Amino acid sequence: MGEHISWLYFSNIPFFRTYPHVGLAVFVLLVLSIVISIVWVSLKAHQSVIPSKRFSLLNISEVYVSFIRKFCRDTIGPNGDNYVSLAGSLFLFILCCNLLGAIPGFLPPTDNLNTTLALGIFVFVFYNLIGIKTHGFAYIKQFMGPTSSKALYPLIPLMFIIELFSHVIRPVSLGLRLRGNVYGDHLVYSVFSSLVPYLVPIPFMALGIFIAFIQAFVFTLLTLVYISLAESHDH
């Protein structure tokens, strides 16, 4: 959102001044890396299987991992444990990027189409690689439609084009959905903040936080659904 000022415009790094969404995404990655490192050190120090009674970052992390594991199992099945790291990282990164817009002087990296399309393309490449790894060359059969009868063979070229288009549009739809919702919410909040800077923007900030969670959840859910379809043996 070029009409809003980011602290990165005052930095001495020309690349980040030109592409602030990249700089802010890197900032989110650095913060998350530091937090995860702290959790890892705490986890190594706390060897007991009994959770601590004190409210701590380690306890929050344990609850979060348990939630993500259940989420993956409910969506994919028993193989969901293989994607806990992916789903947890993706959800946390998108959520923090979305919430960054609530801090004065920062823009959410996810209100830029380059960021969201990059995430969509990453998901597209990942789930197709999983499909190829799971089924080998037979993975291509899902693009051919029903092939149980020879009478359906003439439809294979048409079905291949339709299925290929439906797969190619997935990263685009993921990117556009995420960017559109975050951009719209941040724009509404910015407009009301500039018109009435006191009290009135608070409900819109609360709505923005809610949307930040929902959009991160939806993106992660669709990612797991695509992985589940790629792993499915019904090809």
Protein backbone atom coordinates (compact mmCIF):
# COMPACT_ATOMS: atom_id res chain seq x y z
CA MET A 1 0.00 0.00 0.00
CA GLY A 2 2.05 2.83 -1.32
CA GLU A 3 -0.04 5.58 0.25
CA HIS A 4 0.99 4.61 3.79
CA ILE A 5 4.39 5.28 5.30
CA SER A 6 6.51 2.42 6.61
CA TRP A 7 9.51 2.78 8.88
CA LEU A 8 11.53 1.03 6.19
CA TYR A 9 11.29 4.16 4.04
CA PHE A 10 13.68 5.79 6.52
CA SER A 11 16.22 2.97 6.36
CA ASN A 12 19.51 3.20 4.51
CA ILE A 13 18.87 0.00 2.55
CA PRO A 14 17.68 0.98 -0.97
CA PHE A 15 16.21 -2.45 -1.70
CA PHE A 16 13.95 -2.40 1.38
CA ARG A 17 12.92 1.19 0.65
CA THR A 18 11.87 0.15 -2.85
CA TYR A 19 10.29 -3.14 -1.79
CA PRO A 20 9.08 -2.60 1.79
CA HIS A 21 6.94 -5.75 1.74
CA VAL A 22 10.11 -7.83 1.32
CA GLY A 23 11.83 -6.04 4.18
CA LEU A 24 8.83 -6.52 6.45
CA ALA A 25 8.55 -10.19 5.54
CA VAL A 26 12.23 -10.61 6.41
CA PHE A 27 11.58 -8.76 9.68
CA VAL A 28 8.77 -11.21 10.54
CA LEU A 29 11.03 -14.17 9.72
CA LEU A 30 13.79 -12.83 11.95
CA VAL A 31 11.42 -12.25 14.88
CA LEU A 32 9.91 -15.72 14.50
CA SER A 33 13.37 -17.26 14.24
CA ILE A 34 14.40 -15.61 17.51
CA VAL A 35 11.20 -16.71 19.28
CA ILE A 36 11.54 -20.29 18.00
CA SER A 37 15.17 -20.36 19.12
CA ILE A 38 14.15 -19.25 22.62
CA VAL A 39 11.45 -21.94 22.72
CA TRP A 40 13.94 -24.56 21.54
CA VAL A 41 16.44 -23.64 24.25
CA SER A 42 13.67 -23.69 26.87
CA LEU A 43 12.49 -27.06 25.62
CA LYS A 44 15.98 -28.53 25.90
CA ALA A 45 16.31 -27.16 29.42
CA HIS A 46 12.87 -28.42 30.51
CA GLN A 47 13.17 -32.21 30.18
CA SER A 48 10.23 -33.08 32.43
CA VAL A 49 7.11 -34.55 30.78
CA ILE A 50 4.97 -32.71 33.35
CA PRO A 51 3.97 -29.27 32.04
CA SER A 52 5.02 -26.28 34.07
CA LYS A 53 2.29 -24.60 36.12
CA ARG A 54 3.62 -21.16 35.23
CA PHE A 55 2.33 -19.30 32.19
CA SER A 56 5.27 -19.27 29.80
CA LEU A 57 6.24 -19.14 26.15
CA LEU A 58 6.99 -22.85 26.32
CA ASN A 59 3.45 -23.65 27.48
CA ILE A 60 1.99 -21.51 24.71
CA SER A 61 4.17 -23.35 22.18
CA GLU A 62 3.01 -26.74 23.44
CA VAL A 63 -0.64 -25.73 23.10
CA TYR A 64 0.02 -24.35 19.63
CA VAL A 65 1.78 -27.50 18.41
CA SER A 66 -1.00 -29.69 19.83
CA PHE A 67 -3.59 -27.57 18.01
CA ILE A 68 -1.70 -27.75 14.70
CA ARG A 69 -1.17 -31.52 15.02
CA LYS A 70 -4.90 -32.10 15.60
CA PHE A 71 -5.69 -29.73 12.74
CA CYS A 72 -3.42 -31.69 10.36
CA ARG A 73 -4.80 -35.06 11.45
CA ASP A 74 -8.40 -33.92 11.08
CA THR A 75 -7.73 -32.58 7.58
CA ILE A 76 -5.31 -35.13 6.10
CA GLY A 77 -5.65 -38.18 8.34
CA PRO A 78 -2.94 -40.31 9.99
CA ASN A 79 -0.31 -38.85 7.65
CA GLY A 80 -1.08 -35.38 8.97
CA ASP A 81 1.80 -35.60 11.43
CA ASN A 82 4.18 -35.34 8.48
CA TYR A 83 2.99 -31.80 7.79
CA VAL A 84 2.82 -30.32 11.29
CA SER A 85 5.99 -28.30 10.73
CA LEU A 86 4.76 -26.96 7.39
CA ALA A 87 1.28 -26.05 8.63
CA GLY A 88 2.58 -24.56 11.88
CA SER A 89 5.19 -22.42 10.13
CA LEU A 90 2.82 -21.29 7.38
CA PHE A 91 0.04 -20.34 9.78
CA LEU A 92 2.37 -18.50 12.15
CA PHE A 93 4.15 -16.58 9.37
CA ILE A 94 0.92 -15.47 7.67
CA LEU A 95 -0.70 -14.56 10.99
CA CYS A 96 2.26 -12.41 12.09
CA CYS A 97 2.42 -10.74 8.68
CA ASN A 98 -1.30 -9.95 8.88
CA LEU A 99 -1.06 -8.61 12.44
CA LEU A 100 1.94 -6.43 11.63
CA GLY A 101 -0.41 -3.91 10.03
CA ALA A 102 -1.96 -3.19 13.43
CA ILE A 103 1.33 -1.65 14.62
CA PRO A 104 1.75 2.03 13.70
CA GLY A 105 4.47 2.55 11.12
CA PHE A 106 4.28 -1.01 9.79
CA LEU A 107 2.47 -2.47 6.79
CA PRO A 108 1.33 -6.09 6.57
CA PRO A 109 3.53 -7.85 3.97
CA THR A 110 0.47 -9.85 2.96
CA ASP A 111 -1.29 -6.77 1.56
CA ASN A 112 1.17 -6.98 -1.34
CA LEU A 113 0.30 -9.35 -4.18
CA ASN A 114 3.94 -10.36 -4.67
CA THR A 115 4.08 -11.80 -1.15
CA THR A 116 0.78 -13.68 -1.34
CA LEU A 117 1.41 -15.06 -4.83
CA ALA A 118 4.84 -16.26 -3.69
CA LEU A 119 3.14 -18.13 -0.84
CA GLY A 120 0.56 -19.57 -3.26
CA ILE A 121 3.24 -20.73 -5.70
CA PHE A 122 5.19 -22.35 -2.85
CA VAL A 123 2.07 -24.33 -1.84
CA PHE A 124 1.42 -25.27 -5.49
CA VAL A 125 4.94 -26.65 -5.99
CA PHE A 126 4.94 -28.41 -2.60
CA TYR A 127 1.69 -30.36 -2.93
CA ASN A 128 2.50 -31.42 -6.52
CA LEU A 129 5.90 -32.70 -5.40
CA ILE A 130 4.13 -34.64 -2.64
CA GLY A 131 1.75 -36.12 -5.23
CA ILE A 132 4.63 -37.17 -7.50
CA LYS A 133 6.58 -38.59 -4.54
CA THR A 134 3.54 -40.59 -3.38
CA HIS A 135 2.26 -41.92 -6.72
CA GLY A 136 5.10 -41.51 -9.16
CA PHE A 137 4.05 -41.17 -12.80
CA ALA A 138 0.55 -42.37 -11.86
CA TYR A 139 -0.02 -38.93 -10.30
CA ILE A 140 -0.59 -37.59 -13.83
CA LYS A 141 -3.71 -39.77 -14.10
CA GLN A 142 -5.68 -37.38 -11.91
CA PHE A 143 -5.43 -34.82 -14.72
CA MET A 144 -7.07 -37.22 -17.19
CA GLY A 145 -10.46 -37.57 -15.56
CA PRO A 146 -12.30 -40.93 -15.37
CA THR A 147 -10.47 -43.62 -17.37
CA SER A 148 -12.34 -46.68 -16.16
CA SER A 149 -13.96 -47.20 -19.57
CA LYS A 150 -12.48 -46.97 -23.06
CA ALA A 151 -15.56 -45.02 -24.12
CA LEU A 152 -14.29 -42.13 -21.97
CA TYR A 153 -10.85 -41.99 -23.58
CA PRO A 154 -11.84 -39.31 -26.15
CA LEU A 155 -12.58 -36.98 -23.20
CA ILE A 156 -9.03 -37.25 -21.83
CA PRO A 157 -7.60 -34.21 -23.73
CA LEU A 158 -10.52 -32.01 -22.61
CA MET A 159 -10.35 -33.25 -19.02
CA PHE A 160 -6.58 -32.75 -18.98
CA ILE A 161 -6.97 -29.08 -19.96
CA ILE A 162 -9.72 -28.53 -17.38
CA GLU A 163 -7.82 -30.24 -14.56
CA LEU A 164 -4.59 -28.47 -15.45
CA PHE A 165 -6.34 -25.10 -15.39
CA SER A 166 -7.99 -25.90 -12.04
CA HIS A 167 -4.58 -26.67 -10.54
CA VAL A 168 -2.85 -23.63 -12.02
CA ILE A 169 -5.57 -21.33 -10.69
CA ARG A 170 -5.09 -22.58 -7.11
CA PRO A 171 -1.98 -20.51 -6.26
CA VAL A 172 -3.57 -17.48 -7.90
CA SER A 173 -6.78 -17.87 -5.88
CA LEU A 174 -4.78 -18.39 -2.67
CA GLY A 175 -2.76 -15.24 -3.30
CA LEU A 176 -5.68 -13.06 -4.39
CA ARG A 177 -7.92 -14.14 -1.50
CA LEU A 178 -5.28 -13.46 1.14
CA ARG A 179 -4.13 -10.16 -0.35
CA GLY A 180 -7.66 -8.89 -1.01
CA ASN A 181 -8.89 -9.47 2.53
CA VAL A 182 -5.79 -8.07 4.24
CA TYR A 183 -5.59 -5.07 1.91
CA GLY A 184 -9.29 -4.26 2.31
CA ASP A 185 -9.20 -4.53 6.08
CA HIS A 186 -6.06 -2.41 6.39
CA LEU A 187 -7.50 0.20 4.05
CA VAL A 188 -10.74 0.51 6.04
CA TYR A 189 -8.83 0.78 9.31
CA SER A 190 -6.52 3.44 7.85
CA VAL A 191 -9.41 5.52 6.50
CA PHE A 192 -11.29 5.58 9.79
CA SER A 193 -8.10 6.22 11.74
CA SER A 194 -7.37 9.28 9.62
CA LEU A 195 -10.94 10.61 9.93
CA VAL A 196 -11.53 9.93 13.63
CA PRO A 197 -8.25 8.93 15.33
CA TYR A 198 -9.77 8.27 18.77
CA LEU A 199 -12.00 5.37 19.90
CA VAL A 200 -13.78 4.86 16.55
CA PRO A 201 -10.92 2.80 14.99
CA ILE A 202 -10.89 0.34 17.92
CA PRO A 203 -13.74 -1.89 16.60
CA PHE A 204 -12.07 -1.94 13.19
CA MET A 205 -8.77 -2.95 14.81
CA ALA A 206 -10.55 -5.80 16.61
CA LEU A 207 -12.14 -6.84 13.32
CA GLY A 208 -8.73 -6.70 11.66
CA ILE A 209 -7.22 -9.02 14.28
CA PHE A 210 -10.10 -11.45 13.73
CA ILE A 211 -9.61 -11.33 9.95
CA ALA A 212 -5.87 -11.87 10.40
CA PHE A 213 -6.55 -15.14 12.23
CA ILE A 214 -9.26 -16.27 9.80
CA GLN A 215 -7.17 -15.64 6.69
CA ALA A 216 -4.15 -17.44 8.12
CA PHE A 217 -6.41 -20.35 9.08
CA VAL A 218 -8.11 -20.52 5.66
CA PHE A 219 -4.81 -20.40 3.78
CA THR A 220 -3.36 -23.19 5.93
CA LEU A 221 -6.55 -25.25 5.67
CA LEU A 222 -6.59 -25.05 1.86
CA THR A 223 -2.90 -25.99 1.80
CA LEU A 224 -3.64 -29.14 3.81
CA VAL A 225 -6.65 -29.94 1.62
CA TYR A 226 -4.50 -29.73 -1.52
CA ILE A 227 -1.89 -31.98 0.08
CA SER A 228 -4.61 -34.46 1.06
CA LEU A 229 -5.93 -34.54 -2.51
CA ALA A 230 -2.41 -35.02 -3.88
CA GLU A 231 -1.81 -37.94 -1.50
CA SER A 232 -5.18 -39.52 -2.20
CA HIS A 233 -5.03 -42.90 -3.87
CA ASP A 234 -8.26 -42.31 -5.78
CA HIS A 235 -6.49 -41.42 -9.03
